[in-house]
Amino acid sequence: MKLLIFILMMTVSVCAVAKPRKLFCAYTNAKIVVPIAERHSSFDKNRHCSVSCMLALRCNDTEVLVAGYLKEFQNVFGPGDADENDIIANKYGISIVRNNRADNDRECLQQCDVRYR
């Protein structure tokens, strides 16, 4: 499983290099939204969903997805556990914004609570 995630992450990271300005948006805003998600819920999947949703409000959804993959890539080699369900939660958070079900951070948190409580 880790090898599959590694290959996927390498593919995604090649795309990320082509648009570093986009990743900068997600990186900068992650410093704002991660603490909000951490205060709101202790459940990992809820946090992934919430962070991705709040980032998608601020940044391009593709760059948010790439940032999520890069986070899981970091977990492959770092102290965390790479988990494909984290990516699913990230995609769900992005879909909340794509489907116009959240216009602000509070609505992102509420929508992710419905799915991941």
N, C-alpha and C. Protein backbone atom coordinates (compact mmCIF):
# COMPACT_ATOMS: atom_id res chain seq x y z
N MET A 1 0.82 -1.19 0.00
CA MET A 1 0.00 0.00 0.00
C MET A 1 0.87 1.26 0.00
N LYS A 2 1.92 1.23 0.83
CA LYS A 2 2.80 2.41 0.89
C LYS A 2 3.48 2.66 -0.45
N LEU A 3 3.83 1.59 -1.16
CA LEU A 3 4.45 1.75 -2.48
C LEU A 3 3.49 2.40 -3.45
N LEU A 4 2.23 1.98 -3.43
CA LEU A 4 1.21 2.58 -4.30
C LEU A 4 1.05 4.07 -4.00
N ILE A 5 0.98 4.40 -2.73
CA ILE A 5 0.86 5.81 -2.36
C ILE A 5 2.10 6.57 -2.79
N PHE A 6 3.28 5.97 -2.61
CA PHE A 6 4.51 6.63 -3.03
C PHE A 6 4.49 6.93 -4.53
N ILE A 7 4.11 5.97 -5.33
CA ILE A 7 4.06 6.18 -6.79
C ILE A 7 3.06 7.27 -7.14
N LEU A 8 1.90 7.22 -6.51
CA LEU A 8 0.90 8.25 -6.75
C LEU A 8 1.41 9.62 -6.34
N MET A 9 2.06 9.69 -5.20
CA MET A 9 2.57 10.97 -4.71
C MET A 9 3.64 11.53 -5.64
N MET A 10 4.49 10.67 -6.16
CA MET A 10 5.52 11.13 -7.08
C MET A 10 4.89 11.71 -8.35
N THR A 11 3.84 11.07 -8.83
CA THR A 11 3.13 11.56 -10.01
C THR A 11 2.51 12.92 -9.73
N VAL A 12 1.87 13.03 -8.58
CA VAL A 12 1.22 14.29 -8.22
C VAL A 12 2.26 15.38 -7.98
N SER A 13 3.39 15.03 -7.37
CA SER A 13 4.40 16.04 -7.07
C SER A 13 5.01 16.62 -8.35
N VAL A 14 5.07 15.84 -9.41
CA VAL A 14 5.54 16.36 -10.69
C VAL A 14 4.60 17.45 -11.18
N CYS A 15 3.30 17.23 -11.02
CA CYS A 15 2.33 18.25 -11.39
C CYS A 15 2.47 19.48 -10.50
N ALA A 16 2.78 19.26 -9.25
CA ALA A 16 2.90 20.36 -8.30
C ALA A 16 4.07 21.28 -8.65
N VAL A 17 5.15 20.72 -9.16
CA VAL A 17 6.31 21.52 -9.51
C VAL A 17 5.97 22.48 -10.63
N ALA A 18 5.05 22.10 -11.48
CA ALA A 18 4.67 22.95 -12.61
C ALA A 18 3.93 24.20 -12.15
N LYS A 19 3.29 24.16 -10.98
CA LYS A 19 2.52 25.31 -10.51
C LYS A 19 2.81 25.59 -9.03
N PRO A 20 4.05 25.99 -8.70
CA PRO A 20 4.38 26.19 -7.30
C PRO A 20 3.57 27.31 -6.64
N ARG A 21 3.15 28.30 -7.41
CA ARG A 21 2.36 29.39 -6.87
C ARG A 21 1.05 28.86 -6.29
N LYS A 22 0.47 27.86 -6.93
CA LYS A 22 -0.77 27.26 -6.45
C LYS A 22 -0.56 26.56 -5.12
N LEU A 23 0.51 25.80 -5.01
CA LEU A 23 0.79 25.11 -3.75
C LEU A 23 1.09 26.08 -2.64
N PHE A 24 1.65 27.20 -2.96
CA PHE A 24 1.94 28.20 -1.94
C PHE A 24 0.65 28.67 -1.29
N CYS A 25 -0.42 28.79 -2.05
CA CYS A 25 -1.72 29.17 -1.50
C CYS A 25 -2.17 28.16 -0.46
N ALA A 26 -2.13 26.88 -0.79
CA ALA A 26 -2.55 25.84 0.14
C ALA A 26 -1.64 25.80 1.36
N TYR A 27 -0.35 25.91 1.14
CA TYR A 27 0.61 25.88 2.25
C TYR A 27 0.37 27.05 3.20
N THR A 28 0.23 28.24 2.66
CA THR A 28 0.02 29.42 3.49
C THR A 28 -1.29 29.33 4.27
N ASN A 29 -2.35 28.94 3.59
CA ASN A 29 -3.65 28.88 4.25
C ASN A 29 -3.78 27.69 5.19
N ALA A 30 -3.00 26.65 4.98
CA ALA A 30 -3.03 25.51 5.91
C ALA A 30 -2.65 25.95 7.31
N LYS A 31 -1.74 26.92 7.40
CA LYS A 31 -1.33 27.44 8.71
C LYS A 31 -2.50 28.09 9.44
N ILE A 32 -3.50 28.53 8.69
CA ILE A 32 -4.69 29.17 9.27
C ILE A 32 -5.75 28.12 9.61
N VAL A 33 -6.02 27.22 8.67
CA VAL A 33 -7.17 26.32 8.84
C VAL A 33 -6.89 25.06 9.64
N VAL A 34 -5.66 24.57 9.66
CA VAL A 34 -5.35 23.36 10.43
C VAL A 34 -5.67 23.57 11.91
N PRO A 35 -5.25 24.68 12.53
CA PRO A 35 -5.61 24.87 13.94
C PRO A 35 -7.12 24.94 14.18
N ILE A 36 -7.85 25.48 13.23
CA ILE A 36 -9.32 25.54 13.37
C ILE A 36 -9.88 24.12 13.40
N ALA A 37 -9.43 23.29 12.46
CA ALA A 37 -9.90 21.89 12.39
C ALA A 37 -9.47 21.11 13.63
N GLU A 38 -8.27 21.35 14.10
CA GLU A 38 -7.78 20.64 15.28
C GLU A 38 -8.58 21.00 16.53
N ARG A 39 -8.95 22.26 16.66
CA ARG A 39 -9.77 22.67 17.82
C ARG A 39 -11.18 22.10 17.71
N HIS A 40 -11.66 21.96 16.51
CA HIS A 40 -13.04 21.53 16.29
C HIS A 40 -13.25 20.04 16.53
N SER A 41 -12.31 19.20 16.10
CA SER A 41 -12.52 17.76 16.19
C SER A 41 -11.21 17.04 16.47
N SER A 42 -11.31 15.95 17.20
CA SER A 42 -10.13 15.11 17.43
C SER A 42 -10.09 13.92 16.47
N PHE A 43 -11.12 13.77 15.65
CA PHE A 43 -11.20 12.65 14.72
C PHE A 43 -10.43 12.98 13.44
N ASP A 44 -9.45 12.15 13.11
CA ASP A 44 -8.54 12.40 11.99
C ASP A 44 -9.25 12.64 10.66
N LYS A 45 -10.23 11.81 10.33
CA LYS A 45 -10.91 11.95 9.03
C LYS A 45 -11.71 13.25 8.99
N ASN A 46 -12.29 13.63 10.11
CA ASN A 46 -13.01 14.90 10.18
C ASN A 46 -12.04 16.06 9.93
N ARG A 47 -10.87 15.97 10.50
CA ARG A 47 -9.86 17.02 10.30
C ARG A 47 -9.44 17.10 8.84
N HIS A 48 -9.20 15.95 8.21
CA HIS A 48 -8.82 15.95 6.79
C HIS A 48 -9.92 16.59 5.94
N CYS A 49 -11.15 16.19 6.20
CA CYS A 49 -12.29 16.75 5.47
C CYS A 49 -12.38 18.26 5.68
N SER A 50 -12.31 18.67 6.93
CA SER A 50 -12.47 20.09 7.27
C SER A 50 -11.36 20.95 6.67
N VAL A 51 -10.12 20.50 6.81
CA VAL A 51 -9.00 21.26 6.26
C VAL A 51 -9.13 21.39 4.75
N SER A 52 -9.44 20.28 4.08
CA SER A 52 -9.57 20.33 2.61
C SER A 52 -10.71 21.24 2.19
N CYS A 53 -11.82 21.18 2.90
CA CYS A 53 -12.96 22.04 2.58
C CYS A 53 -12.59 23.51 2.76
N MET A 54 -12.00 23.84 3.91
CA MET A 54 -11.65 25.24 4.16
C MET A 54 -10.58 25.73 3.20
N LEU A 55 -9.63 24.87 2.83
CA LEU A 55 -8.63 25.26 1.84
C LEU A 55 -9.27 25.47 0.47
N ALA A 56 -10.24 24.62 0.12
CA ALA A 56 -10.92 24.75 -1.17
C ALA A 56 -11.71 26.05 -1.26
N LEU A 57 -12.11 26.60 -0.12
CA LEU A 57 -12.75 27.92 -0.12
C LEU A 57 -11.77 29.02 -0.51
N ARG A 58 -10.50 28.79 -0.22
CA ARG A 58 -9.47 29.82 -0.38
C ARG A 58 -8.59 29.62 -1.62
N CYS A 59 -8.45 28.38 -2.06
CA CYS A 59 -7.50 28.03 -3.11
C CYS A 59 -8.18 27.15 -4.16
N ASN A 60 -7.50 26.96 -5.25
CA ASN A 60 -7.97 26.08 -6.31
C ASN A 60 -8.09 24.66 -5.78
N ASP A 61 -9.19 23.98 -6.10
CA ASP A 61 -9.41 22.64 -5.53
C ASP A 61 -8.37 21.62 -5.98
N THR A 62 -7.80 21.79 -7.15
CA THR A 62 -6.76 20.87 -7.60
C THR A 62 -5.51 21.01 -6.73
N GLU A 63 -5.13 22.22 -6.41
CA GLU A 63 -3.96 22.41 -5.56
C GLU A 63 -4.22 21.89 -4.15
N VAL A 64 -5.45 21.98 -3.70
CA VAL A 64 -5.80 21.44 -2.38
C VAL A 64 -5.64 19.92 -2.39
N LEU A 65 -6.09 19.29 -3.45
CA LEU A 65 -5.94 17.84 -3.58
C LEU A 65 -4.46 17.46 -3.61
N VAL A 66 -3.66 18.20 -4.37
CA VAL A 66 -2.23 17.93 -4.44
C VAL A 66 -1.60 18.08 -3.05
N ALA A 67 -1.99 19.10 -2.32
CA ALA A 67 -1.46 19.29 -0.96
C ALA A 67 -1.82 18.11 -0.06
N GLY A 68 -3.02 17.58 -0.21
CA GLY A 68 -3.42 16.41 0.56
C GLY A 68 -2.59 15.19 0.22
N TYR A 69 -2.33 15.00 -1.07
CA TYR A 69 -1.47 13.88 -1.48
C TYR A 69 -0.06 14.06 -0.93
N LEU A 70 0.43 15.28 -0.99
CA LEU A 70 1.78 15.54 -0.48
C LEU A 70 1.87 15.27 1.02
N LYS A 71 0.81 15.59 1.75
CA LYS A 71 0.77 15.30 3.18
C LYS A 71 0.85 13.79 3.41
N GLU A 72 0.11 13.02 2.63
CA GLU A 72 0.18 11.56 2.77
C GLU A 72 1.55 11.03 2.34
N PHE A 73 2.12 11.65 1.34
CA PHE A 73 3.47 11.28 0.91
C PHE A 73 4.45 11.49 2.05
N GLN A 74 4.31 12.58 2.75
CA GLN A 74 5.14 12.87 3.92
C GLN A 74 4.96 11.76 4.97
N ASN A 75 3.75 11.28 5.13
CA ASN A 75 3.48 10.22 6.10
C ASN A 75 4.12 8.89 5.73
N VAL A 76 4.33 8.66 4.43
CA VAL A 76 4.97 7.42 3.99
C VAL A 76 6.38 7.33 4.58
N PHE A 77 7.08 8.45 4.59
CA PHE A 77 8.48 8.45 5.02
C PHE A 77 8.68 9.08 6.40
N GLY A 78 7.64 9.69 6.94
CA GLY A 78 7.78 10.36 8.22
C GLY A 78 7.11 9.60 9.35
N PRO A 79 6.83 10.30 10.41
CA PRO A 79 6.28 9.64 11.60
C PRO A 79 4.80 9.25 11.49
N GLY A 80 4.09 9.79 10.53
CA GLY A 80 2.66 9.51 10.41
C GLY A 80 2.38 8.21 9.69
N ASP A 81 1.10 7.86 9.61
CA ASP A 81 0.66 6.68 8.87
C ASP A 81 -0.05 7.13 7.60
N ALA A 82 0.46 6.69 6.46
CA ALA A 82 -0.22 6.98 5.20
C ALA A 82 -1.51 6.16 5.17
N ASP A 83 -2.60 6.82 4.81
CA ASP A 83 -3.90 6.16 4.84
C ASP A 83 -4.72 6.64 3.66
N GLU A 84 -5.13 5.69 2.82
CA GLU A 84 -5.92 6.07 1.65
C GLU A 84 -7.26 6.69 2.06
N ASN A 85 -7.76 6.36 3.23
CA ASN A 85 -9.01 6.96 3.70
C ASN A 85 -8.85 8.44 4.02
N ASP A 86 -7.63 8.88 4.31
CA ASP A 86 -7.38 10.31 4.48
C ASP A 86 -7.60 11.04 3.17
N ILE A 87 -7.15 10.43 2.08
CA ILE A 87 -7.34 11.03 0.75
C ILE A 87 -8.83 11.08 0.42
N ILE A 88 -9.56 10.03 0.77
CA ILE A 88 -11.01 10.03 0.53
C ILE A 88 -11.68 11.16 1.32
N ALA A 89 -11.25 11.36 2.56
CA ALA A 89 -11.80 12.45 3.37
C ALA A 89 -11.43 13.81 2.78
N ASN A 90 -10.21 13.92 2.26
CA ASN A 90 -9.80 15.17 1.60
C ASN A 90 -10.69 15.46 0.39
N LYS A 91 -10.91 14.43 -0.42
CA LYS A 91 -11.74 14.60 -1.62
C LYS A 91 -13.17 14.98 -1.24
N TYR A 92 -13.67 14.37 -0.17
CA TYR A 92 -15.02 14.72 0.27
C TYR A 92 -15.09 16.19 0.69
N GLY A 93 -14.10 16.65 1.43
CA GLY A 93 -14.07 18.05 1.85
C GLY A 93 -14.06 19.00 0.66
N ILE A 94 -13.28 18.66 -0.35
CA ILE A 94 -13.23 19.48 -1.57
C ILE A 94 -14.58 19.46 -2.27
N SER A 95 -15.22 18.29 -2.30
CA SER A 95 -16.51 18.17 -2.99
C SER A 95 -17.60 19.03 -2.32
N ILE A 96 -17.47 19.25 -1.04
CA ILE A 96 -18.44 20.10 -0.34
C ILE A 96 -18.44 21.50 -0.96
N VAL A 97 -17.25 22.02 -1.23
CA VAL A 97 -17.15 23.35 -1.85
C VAL A 97 -17.57 23.29 -3.31
N ARG A 98 -17.12 22.27 -4.03
CA ARG A 98 -17.49 22.12 -5.45
C ARG A 98 -19.00 22.07 -5.64
N ASN A 99 -19.69 21.43 -4.70
CA ASN A 99 -21.14 21.27 -4.80
C ASN A 99 -21.92 22.37 -4.09
N ASN A 100 -21.23 23.45 -3.76
CA ASN A 100 -21.84 24.64 -3.15
C ASN A 100 -22.60 24.34 -1.86
N ARG A 101 -22.05 23.46 -1.03
CA ARG A 101 -22.70 23.16 0.25
C ARG A 101 -22.04 23.90 1.40
N ALA A 102 -20.97 24.65 1.11
CA ALA A 102 -20.30 25.45 2.14
C ALA A 102 -19.75 26.72 1.52
N ASP A 103 -20.03 27.83 2.18
CA ASP A 103 -19.53 29.13 1.74
C ASP A 103 -18.57 29.75 2.75
N ASN A 104 -18.39 29.08 3.89
CA ASN A 104 -17.50 29.61 4.92
C ASN A 104 -16.97 28.45 5.78
N ASP A 105 -16.03 28.77 6.65
CA ASP A 105 -15.38 27.74 7.47
C ASP A 105 -16.39 27.00 8.35
N ARG A 106 -17.29 27.72 8.96
CA ARG A 106 -18.28 27.10 9.85
C ARG A 106 -19.10 26.06 9.11
N GLU A 107 -19.51 26.37 7.89
CA GLU A 107 -20.28 25.42 7.10
C GLU A 107 -19.43 24.20 6.72
N CYS A 108 -18.15 24.41 6.45
CA CYS A 108 -17.26 23.27 6.18
C CYS A 108 -17.21 22.34 7.39
N LEU A 109 -17.02 22.91 8.56
CA LEU A 109 -16.96 22.10 9.78
C LEU A 109 -18.25 21.34 10.00
N GLN A 110 -19.37 21.99 9.77
CA GLN A 110 -20.67 21.34 9.95
C GLN A 110 -20.87 20.20 8.97
N GLN A 111 -20.54 20.43 7.71
CA GLN A 111 -20.70 19.40 6.69
C GLN A 111 -19.81 18.19 6.96
N CYS A 112 -18.59 18.43 7.42
CA CYS A 112 -17.68 17.32 7.72
C CYS A 112 -18.14 16.59 8.98
N ASP A 113 -18.78 17.31 9.91
CA ASP A 113 -19.34 16.65 11.10
C ASP A 113 -20.42 15.65 10.70
N VAL A 114 -21.20 15.99 9.73
CA VAL A 114 -22.28 15.11 9.29
C VAL A 114 -21.72 13.77 8.82
N ARG A 115 -20.62 13.82 8.10
CA ARG A 115 -20.01 12.60 7.53
C ARG A 115 -19.06 11.90 8.48
N TYR A 116 -18.30 12.69 9.23
CA TYR A 116 -17.21 12.12 10.03
C TYR A 116 -17.30 12.47 11.52
N ARG A 117 -18.36 12.13 12.14
CA ARG A 117 -18.47 12.38 13.58
C ARG A 117 -18.35 11.12 14.35
